[in-house]
Amino acid sequence: MKFPAFDRDLARTVLFSVAVVLMVIGIYQSIVWNSVLRNYELFMLACICLLLYRLLKLPEKAAPAAPAKTPPANKPQNKSKKRR
């Protein structure tokens, strides 16, 4: 069985969504319980999701590309322009 290729955009979307949901739940429970320390784990999981989100945003290291060929230099034209 062949697995599909890893989709970085989908993973980034899921990580960002999970981070937002964890932050909202953490803020809500902090207001209800009047304690941020009780929800420390939720905030840290949200931070980990954001760090992974940023990590997936970095470009992949690709093999070094061959040097690009420079186009040939334009030869100066010696044609005289007609003036009217």
PDB file of N, CA and C in Angstrom:
ATOM      1  N   MET A   1       0.847  -1.180   0.000  1.00  0.00           N
ATOM      2  CA  MET A   1       0.000   0.000   0.000  1.00  0.00           C
ATOM      3  C   MET A   1       0.886   1.234   0.000  1.00  0.00           C
ATOM      4  N   LYS A   2       0.606   2.135  -0.886  1.00  0.00           N
ATOM      5  CA  LYS A   2       1.405   3.351  -0.989  1.00  0.00           C
ATOM      6  C   LYS A   2       0.673   4.495  -0.295  1.00  0.00           C
ATOM      7  N   PHE A   3       1.389   5.182   0.579  1.00  0.00           N
ATOM      8  CA  PHE A   3       0.801   6.296   1.305  1.00  0.00           C
ATOM      9  C   PHE A   3       0.879   7.564   0.467  1.00  0.00           C
ATOM     10  N   PRO A   4      -0.103   8.444   0.597  1.00  0.00           N
ATOM     11  CA  PRO A   4      -0.049   9.695  -0.173  1.00  0.00           C
ATOM     12  C   PRO A   4       1.065  10.598   0.354  1.00  0.00           C
ATOM     13  N   ALA A   5       1.474  11.519  -0.459  1.00  0.00           N
ATOM     14  CA  ALA A   5       2.537  12.450  -0.082  1.00  0.00           C
ATOM     15  C   ALA A   5       2.066  13.337   1.057  1.00  0.00           C
ATOM     16  N   PHE A   6       3.017  13.772   1.864  1.00  0.00           N
ATOM     17  CA  PHE A   6       2.719  14.630   3.010  1.00  0.00           C
ATOM     18  C   PHE A   6       2.332  16.014   2.511  1.00  0.00           C
ATOM     19  N   ASP A   7       1.159  16.473   2.890  1.00  0.00           N
ATOM     20  CA  ASP A   7       0.669  17.778   2.467  1.00  0.00           C
ATOM     21  C   ASP A   7       0.967  18.799   3.565  1.00  0.00           C
ATOM     22  N   ARG A   8       1.966  19.650   3.325  1.00  0.00           N
ATOM     23  CA  ARG A   8       2.386  20.631   4.327  1.00  0.00           C
ATOM     24  C   ARG A   8       1.309  21.676   4.581  1.00  0.00           C
ATOM     25  N   ASP A   9       0.588  22.078   3.550  1.00  0.00           N
ATOM     26  CA  ASP A   9      -0.440  23.103   3.727  1.00  0.00           C
ATOM     27  C   ASP A   9      -1.585  22.601   4.606  1.00  0.00           C
ATOM     28  N   LEU A  10      -1.974  21.357   4.401  1.00  0.00           N
ATOM     29  CA  LEU A  10      -3.035  20.784   5.225  1.00  0.00           C
ATOM     30  C   LEU A  10      -2.573  20.662   6.676  1.00  0.00           C
ATOM     31  N   ALA A  11      -1.339  20.227   6.884  1.00  0.00           N
ATOM     32  CA  ALA A  11      -0.804  20.100   8.238  1.00  0.00           C
ATOM     33  C   ALA A  11      -0.731  21.461   8.925  1.00  0.00           C
ATOM     34  N   ARG A  12      -0.330  22.485   8.180  1.00  0.00           N
ATOM     35  CA  ARG A  12      -0.260  23.829   8.758  1.00  0.00           C
ATOM     36  C   ARG A  12      -1.649  24.330   9.143  1.00  0.00           C
ATOM     37  N   THR A  13      -2.642  24.042   8.303  1.00  0.00           N
ATOM     38  CA  THR A  13      -4.007  24.467   8.601  1.00  0.00           C
ATOM     39  C   THR A  13      -4.529  23.775   9.857  1.00  0.00           C
ATOM     40  N   VAL A  14      -4.288  22.486   9.962  1.00  0.00           N
ATOM     41  CA  VAL A  14      -4.752  21.731  11.131  1.00  0.00           C
ATOM     42  C   VAL A  14      -4.046  22.219  12.394  1.00  0.00           C
ATOM     43  N   LEU A  15      -2.734  22.416  12.334  1.00  0.00           N
ATOM     44  CA  LEU A  15      -1.995  22.878  13.513  1.00  0.00           C
ATOM     45  C   LEU A  15      -2.468  24.251  13.970  1.00  0.00           C
ATOM     46  N   PHE A  16      -2.695  25.150  13.027  1.00  0.00           N
ATOM     47  CA  PHE A  16      -3.155  26.486  13.400  1.00  0.00           C
ATOM     48  C   PHE A  16      -4.550  26.424  14.017  1.00  0.00           C
ATOM     49  N   SER A  17      -5.421  25.592  13.452  1.00  0.00           N
ATOM     50  CA  SER A  17      -6.779  25.456  13.985  1.00  0.00           C
ATOM     51  C   SER A  17      -6.763  24.888  15.399  1.00  0.00           C
ATOM     52  N   VAL A  18      -5.946  23.870  15.622  1.00  0.00           N
ATOM     53  CA  VAL A  18      -5.840  23.274  16.957  1.00  0.00           C
ATOM     54  C   VAL A  18      -5.283  24.288  17.951  1.00  0.00           C
ATOM     55  N   ALA A  19      -4.301  25.077  17.524  1.00  0.00           N
ATOM     56  CA  ALA A  19      -3.724  26.089  18.417  1.00  0.00           C
ATOM     57  C   ALA A  19      -4.774  27.125  18.810  1.00  0.00           C
ATOM     58  N   VAL A  20      -5.574  27.563  17.854  1.00  0.00           N
ATOM     59  CA  VAL A  20      -6.618  28.560  18.160  1.00  0.00           C
ATOM     60  C   VAL A  20      -7.653  27.977  19.103  1.00  0.00           C
ATOM     61  N   VAL A  21      -8.073  26.746  18.854  1.00  0.00           N
ATOM     62  CA  VAL A  21      -9.071  26.114  19.721  1.00  0.00           C
ATOM     63  C   VAL A  21      -8.527  25.951  21.135  1.00  0.00           C
ATOM     64  N   LEU A  22      -7.286  25.508  21.266  1.00  0.00           N
ATOM     65  CA  LEU A  22      -6.703  25.347  22.606  1.00  0.00           C
ATOM     66  C   LEU A  22      -6.577  26.685  23.336  1.00  0.00           C
ATOM     67  N   MET A  23      -6.232  27.732  22.616  1.00  0.00           N
ATOM     68  CA  MET A  23      -6.142  29.047  23.255  1.00  0.00           C
ATOM     69  C   MET A  23      -7.513  29.533  23.725  1.00  0.00           C
ATOM     70  N   VAL A  24      -8.535  29.343  22.901  1.00  0.00           N
ATOM     71  CA  VAL A  24      -9.885  29.778  23.278  1.00  0.00           C
ATOM     72  C   VAL A  24     -10.368  28.998  24.492  1.00  0.00           C
ATOM     73  N   ILE A  25     -10.175  27.694  24.490  1.00  0.00           N
ATOM     74  CA  ILE A  25     -10.591  26.880  25.640  1.00  0.00           C
ATOM     75  C   ILE A  25      -9.804  27.279  26.879  1.00  0.00           C
ATOM     76  N   GLY A  26      -8.508  27.498  26.729  1.00  0.00           N
ATOM     77  CA  GLY A  26      -7.682  27.898  27.877  1.00  0.00           C
ATOM     78  C   GLY A  26      -8.109  29.238  28.451  1.00  0.00           C
ATOM     79  N   ILE A  27      -8.408  30.193  27.583  1.00  0.00           N
ATOM     80  CA  ILE A  27      -8.853  31.512  28.068  1.00  0.00           C
ATOM     81  C   ILE A  27     -10.204  31.407  28.749  1.00  0.00           C
ATOM     82  N   TYR A  28     -11.110  30.631  28.162  1.00  0.00           N
ATOM     83  CA  TYR A  28     -12.436  30.465  28.764  1.00  0.00           C
ATOM     84  C   TYR A  28     -12.333  29.827  30.148  1.00  0.00           C
ATOM     85  N   GLN A  29     -11.558  28.750  30.250  1.00  0.00           N
ATOM     86  CA  GLN A  29     -11.446  28.086  31.545  1.00  0.00           C
ATOM     87  C   GLN A  29     -10.680  28.941  32.556  1.00  0.00           C
ATOM     88  N   SER A  30      -9.767  29.749  32.086  1.00  0.00           N
ATOM     89  CA  SER A  30      -9.061  30.644  33.005  1.00  0.00           C
ATOM     90  C   SER A  30     -10.008  31.688  33.581  1.00  0.00           C
ATOM     91  N   ILE A  31     -10.951  32.148  32.766  1.00  0.00           N
ATOM     92  CA  ILE A  31     -11.937  33.116  33.260  1.00  0.00           C
ATOM     93  C   ILE A  31     -12.901  32.432  34.235  1.00  0.00           C
ATOM     94  N   VAL A  32     -13.345  31.221  33.904  1.00  0.00           N
ATOM     95  CA  VAL A  32     -14.315  30.521  34.754  1.00  0.00           C
ATOM     96  C   VAL A  32     -13.685  30.129  36.085  1.00  0.00           C
ATOM     97  N   TRP A  33     -12.473  29.560  36.047  1.00  0.00           N
ATOM     98  CA  TRP A  33     -11.841  29.086  37.272  1.00  0.00           C
ATOM     99  C   TRP A  33     -11.018  30.170  37.963  1.00  0.00           C
ATOM    100  N   ASN A  34     -10.816  31.294  37.291  1.00  0.00           N
ATOM    101  CA  ASN A  34     -10.044  32.405  37.843  1.00  0.00           C
ATOM    102  C   ASN A  34      -8.603  31.985  38.153  1.00  0.00           C
ATOM    103  N   SER A  35      -8.029  31.152  37.288  1.00  0.00           N
ATOM    104  CA  SER A  35      -6.656  30.699  37.484  1.00  0.00           C
ATOM    105  C   SER A  35      -6.052  30.293  36.142  1.00  0.00           C
ATOM    106  N   VAL A  36      -4.956  30.942  35.794  1.00  0.00           N
ATOM    107  CA  VAL A  36      -4.258  30.609  34.560  1.00  0.00           C
ATOM    108  C   VAL A  36      -3.421  29.353  34.768  1.00  0.00           C
ATOM    109  N   LEU A  37      -2.930  29.132  35.972  1.00  0.00           N
ATOM    110  CA  LEU A  37      -2.049  28.000  36.236  1.00  0.00           C
ATOM    111  C   LEU A  37      -2.746  26.658  36.063  1.00  0.00           C
ATOM    112  N   ARG A  38      -4.047  26.600  36.268  1.00  0.00           N
ATOM    113  CA  ARG A  38      -4.768  25.353  36.064  1.00  0.00           C
ATOM    114  C   ARG A  38      -4.820  24.956  34.592  1.00  0.00           C
ATOM    115  N   ASN A  39      -4.640  25.915  33.704  1.00  0.00           N
ATOM    116  CA  ASN A  39      -4.733  25.664  32.266  1.00  0.00           C
ATOM    117  C   ASN A  39      -3.387  25.802  31.573  1.00  0.00           C
ATOM    118  N   TYR A  40      -2.339  25.653  32.325  1.00  0.00           N
ATOM    119  CA  TYR A  40      -0.983  25.778  31.789  1.00  0.00           C
ATOM    120  C   TYR A  40      -0.752  24.796  30.636  1.00  0.00           C
ATOM    121  N   GLU A  41      -1.238  23.570  30.793  1.00  0.00           N
ATOM    122  CA  GLU A  41      -1.032  22.553  29.763  1.00  0.00           C
ATOM    123  C   GLU A  41      -1.695  22.934  28.440  1.00  0.00           C
ATOM    124  N   LEU A  42      -2.890  23.516  28.514  1.00  0.00           N
ATOM    125  CA  LEU A  42      -3.571  23.933  27.289  1.00  0.00           C
ATOM    126  C   LEU A  42      -2.783  25.012  26.556  1.00  0.00           C
ATOM    127  N   PHE A  43      -2.271  25.974  27.318  1.00  0.00           N
ATOM    128  CA  PHE A  43      -1.504  27.052  26.691  1.00  0.00           C
ATOM    129  C   PHE A  43      -0.192  26.538  26.108  1.00  0.00           C
ATOM    130  N   MET A  44       0.440  25.597  26.777  1.00  0.00           N
ATOM    131  CA  MET A  44       1.699  25.055  26.262  1.00  0.00           C
ATOM    132  C   MET A  44       1.461  24.207  25.009  1.00  0.00           C
ATOM    133  N   LEU A  45       0.370  23.449  24.981  1.00  0.00           N
ATOM    134  CA  LEU A  45       0.047  22.697  23.776  1.00  0.00           C
ATOM    135  C   LEU A  45      -0.245  23.633  22.604  1.00  0.00           C
ATOM    136  N   ALA A  46      -0.901  24.751  22.891  1.00  0.00           N
ATOM    137  CA  ALA A  46      -1.158  25.741  21.839  1.00  0.00           C
ATOM    138  C   ALA A  46       0.159  26.334  21.334  1.00  0.00           C
ATOM    139  N   CYS A  47       1.089  26.595  22.239  1.00  0.00           N
ATOM    140  CA  CYS A  47       2.398  27.123  21.828  1.00  0.00           C
ATOM    141  C   CYS A  47       3.173  26.104  20.997  1.00  0.00           C
ATOM    142  N   ILE A  48       3.094  24.840  21.374  1.00  0.00           N
ATOM    143  CA  ILE A  48       3.775  23.793  20.601  1.00  0.00           C
ATOM    144  C   ILE A  48       3.173  23.702  19.202  1.00  0.00           C
ATOM    145  N   CYS A  49       1.857  23.800  19.102  1.00  0.00           N
ATOM    146  CA  CYS A  49       1.217  23.770  17.781  1.00  0.00           C
ATOM    147  C   CYS A  49       1.658  24.957  16.933  1.00  0.00           C
ATOM    148  N   LEU A  50       1.784  26.130  17.551  1.00  0.00           N
ATOM    149  CA  LEU A  50       2.239  27.303  16.799  1.00  0.00           C
ATOM    150  C   LEU A  50       3.694  27.169  16.374  1.00  0.00           C
ATOM    151  N   LEU A  51       4.521  26.570  17.217  1.00  0.00           N
ATOM    152  CA  LEU A  51       5.924  26.363  16.837  1.00  0.00           C
ATOM    153  C   LEU A  51       6.030  25.375  15.671  1.00  0.00           C
ATOM    154  N   LEU A  52       5.246  24.304  15.717  1.00  0.00           N
ATOM    155  CA  LEU A  52       5.242  23.359  14.601  1.00  0.00           C
ATOM    156  C   LEU A  52       4.688  24.001  13.336  1.00  0.00           C
ATOM    157  N   TYR A  53       3.700  24.874  13.498  1.00  0.00           N
ATOM    158  CA  TYR A  53       3.142  25.620  12.372  1.00  0.00           C
ATOM    159  C   TYR A  53       4.221  26.456  11.697  1.00  0.00           C
ATOM    160  N   ARG A  54       5.019  27.144  12.518  1.00  0.00           N
ATOM    161  CA  ARG A  54       6.104  27.959  11.963  1.00  0.00           C
ATOM    162  C   ARG A  54       7.186  27.090  11.336  1.00  0.00           C
ATOM    163  N   LEU A  55       7.441  25.934  11.933  1.00  0.00           N
ATOM    164  CA  LEU A  55       8.455  25.034  11.396  1.00  0.00           C
ATOM    165  C   LEU A  55       8.059  24.527  10.008  1.00  0.00           C
ATOM    166  N   LEU A  56       6.790  24.231   9.824  1.00  0.00           N
ATOM    167  CA  LEU A  56       6.330  23.766   8.519  1.00  0.00           C
ATOM    168  C   LEU A  56       6.272  24.888   7.487  1.00  0.00           C
ATOM    169  N   LYS A  57       6.318  26.131   7.948  1.00  0.00           N
ATOM    170  CA  LYS A  57       6.294  27.266   7.026  1.00  0.00           C
ATOM    171  C   LYS A  57       7.647  27.460   6.352  1.00  0.00           C
ATOM    172  N   LEU A  58       8.718  26.968   6.978  1.00  0.00           N
ATOM    173  CA  LEU A  58      10.046  27.111   6.407  1.00  0.00           C
ATOM    174  C   LEU A  58      10.143  26.315   5.115  1.00  0.00           C
ATOM    175  N   PRO A  59      10.885  26.839   4.137  1.00  0.00           N
ATOM    176  CA  PRO A  59      11.008  26.093   2.877  1.00  0.00           C
ATOM    177  C   PRO A  59      11.827  24.828   3.074  1.00  0.00           C
ATOM    178  N   GLU A  60      11.524  23.820   2.278  1.00  0.00           N
ATOM    179  CA  GLU A  60      12.266  22.570   2.358  1.00  0.00           C
ATOM    180  C   GLU A  60      13.648  22.771   1.765  1.00  0.00           C
ATOM    181  N   LYS A  61      14.625  22.071   2.317  1.00  0.00           N
ATOM    182  CA  LYS A  61      15.978  22.148   1.771  1.00  0.00           C
ATOM    183  C   LYS A  61      16.023  21.295   0.515  1.00  0.00           C
ATOM    184  N   ALA A  62      16.254  21.939  -0.587  1.00  0.00           N
ATOM    185  CA  ALA A  62      16.292  21.234  -1.859  1.00  0.00           C
ATOM    186  C   ALA A  62      17.743  21.057  -2.294  1.00  0.00           C
ATOM    187  N   ALA A  63      17.942  20.171  -3.237  1.00  0.00           N
ATOM    188  CA  ALA A  63      19.285  19.966  -3.778  1.00  0.00           C
ATOM    189  C   ALA A  63      19.734  21.261  -4.455  1.00  0.00           C
ATOM    190  N   PRO A  64      21.035  21.554  -4.387  1.00  0.00           N
ATOM    191  CA  PRO A  64      21.496  22.791  -5.007  1.00  0.00           C
ATOM    192  C   PRO A  64      21.208  22.771  -6.509  1.00  0.00           C
ATOM    193  N   ALA A  65      20.651  23.852  -6.960  1.00  0.00           N
ATOM    194  CA  ALA A  65      20.279  23.957  -8.365  1.00  0.00           C
ATOM    195  C   ALA A  65      21.509  24.263  -9.207  1.00  0.00           C
ATOM    196  N   ALA A  66      21.460  23.833 -10.448  1.00  0.00           N
ATOM    197  CA  ALA A  66      22.557  24.121 -11.374  1.00  0.00           C
ATOM    198  C   ALA A  66      22.586  25.627 -11.626  1.00  0.00           C
ATOM    199  N   PRO A  67      23.787  26.176 -11.812  1.00  0.00           N
ATOM    200  CA  PRO A  67      23.849  27.620 -12.052  1.00  0.00           C
ATOM    201  C   PRO A  67      23.079  27.990 -13.314  1.00  0.00           C
ATOM    202  N   ALA A  68      22.367  29.063 -13.228  1.00  0.00           N
ATOM    203  CA  ALA A  68      21.549  29.495 -14.356  1.00  0.00           C
ATOM    204  C   ALA A  68      22.434  30.017 -15.477  1.00  0.00           C
ATOM    205  N   LYS A  69      22.038  29.693 -16.684  1.00  0.00           N
ATOM    206  CA  LYS A  69      22.809  30.165 -17.827  1.00  0.00           C
ATOM    207  C   LYS A  69      22.518  31.646 -18.040  1.00  0.00           C
ATOM    208  N   THR A  70      23.561  32.402 -18.266  1.00  0.00           N
ATOM    209  CA  THR A  70      23.372  33.823 -18.520  1.00  0.00           C
ATOM    210  C   THR A  70      23.034  34.010 -19.995  1.00  0.00           C
ATOM    211  N   PRO A  71      22.081  34.858 -20.274  1.00  0.00           N
ATOM    212  CA  PRO A  71      21.722  35.085 -21.670  1.00  0.00           C
ATOM    213  C   PRO A  71      22.878  35.776 -22.390  1.00  0.00           C
ATOM    214  N   PRO A  72      23.025  35.542 -23.664  1.00  0.00           N
ATOM    215  CA  PRO A  72      24.118  36.186 -24.392  1.00  0.00           C
ATOM    216  C   PRO A  72      23.944  37.696 -24.380  1.00  0.00           C
ATOM    217  N   ALA A  73      25.068  38.378 -24.308  1.00  0.00           N
ATOM    218  CA  ALA A  73      25.044  39.837 -24.246  1.00  0.00           C
ATOM    219  C   ALA A  73      24.500  40.392 -25.559  1.00  0.00           C
ATOM    220  N   ASN A  74      23.691  41.414 -25.438  1.00  0.00           N
ATOM    221  CA  ASN A  74      23.143  42.055 -26.632  1.00  0.00           C
ATOM    222  C   ASN A  74      24.252  42.822 -27.354  1.00  0.00           C
ATOM    223  N   LYS A  75      24.355  42.585 -28.630  1.00  0.00           N
ATOM    224  CA  LYS A  75      25.365  43.289 -29.415  1.00  0.00           C
ATOM    225  C   LYS A  75      24.831  44.685 -29.730  1.00  0.00           C
ATOM    226  N   PRO A  76      25.678  45.675 -29.622  1.00  0.00           N
ATOM    227  CA  PRO A  76      25.209  47.030 -29.960  1.00  0.00           C
ATOM    228  C   PRO A  76      24.892  47.112 -31.446  1.00  0.00           C
ATOM    229  N   GLN A  77      23.811  47.752 -31.740  1.00  0.00           N
ATOM    230  CA  GLN A  77      23.410  47.883 -33.128  1.00  0.00           C
ATOM    231  C   GLN A  77      24.002  49.161 -33.704  1.00  0.00           C
ATOM    232  N   ASN A  78      24.578  49.041 -34.874  1.00  0.00           N
ATOM    233  CA  ASN A  78      25.219  50.172 -35.522  1.00  0.00           C
ATOM    234  C   ASN A  78      24.309  50.824 -36.546  1.00  0.00           C
ATOM    235  N   LYS A  79      23.051  50.517 -36.502  1.00  0.00           N
ATOM    236  CA  LYS A  79      22.119  51.106 -37.455  1.00  0.00           C
ATOM    237  C   LYS A  79      21.876  52.560 -37.078  1.00  0.00           C
ATOM    238  N   SER A  80      21.943  53.398 -38.063  1.00  0.00           N
ATOM    239  CA  SER A  80      21.661  54.811 -37.808  1.00  0.00           C
ATOM    240  C   SER A  80      20.164  55.028 -37.873  1.00  0.00           C
ATOM    241  N   LYS A  81      19.672  55.822 -36.966  1.00  0.00           N
ATOM    242  CA  LYS A  81      18.249  56.094 -36.926  1.00  0.00           C
ATOM    243  C   LYS A  81      17.938  57.236 -37.877  1.00  0.00           C
ATOM    244  N   LYS A  82      16.837  57.098 -38.568  1.00  0.00           N
ATOM    245  CA  LYS A  82      16.428  58.132 -39.498  1.00  0.00           C
ATOM    246  C   LYS A  82      15.702  59.223 -38.735  1.00  0.00           C
ATOM    247  N   ARG A  83      16.072  60.428 -39.006  1.00  0.00           N
ATOM    248  CA  ARG A  83      15.395  61.562 -38.390  1.00  0.00           C
ATOM    249  C   ARG A  83      14.550  62.247 -39.446  1.00  0.00           C
ATOM    250  N   ARG A  84      13.440  62.703 -39.050  1.00  0.00           N
ATOM    251  CA  ARG A  84      12.564  63.381 -39.986  1.00  0.00           C
ATOM    252  C   ARG A  84      12.517  64.848 -39.698  1.00  0.00           C
TER     253      ARG A  84
END
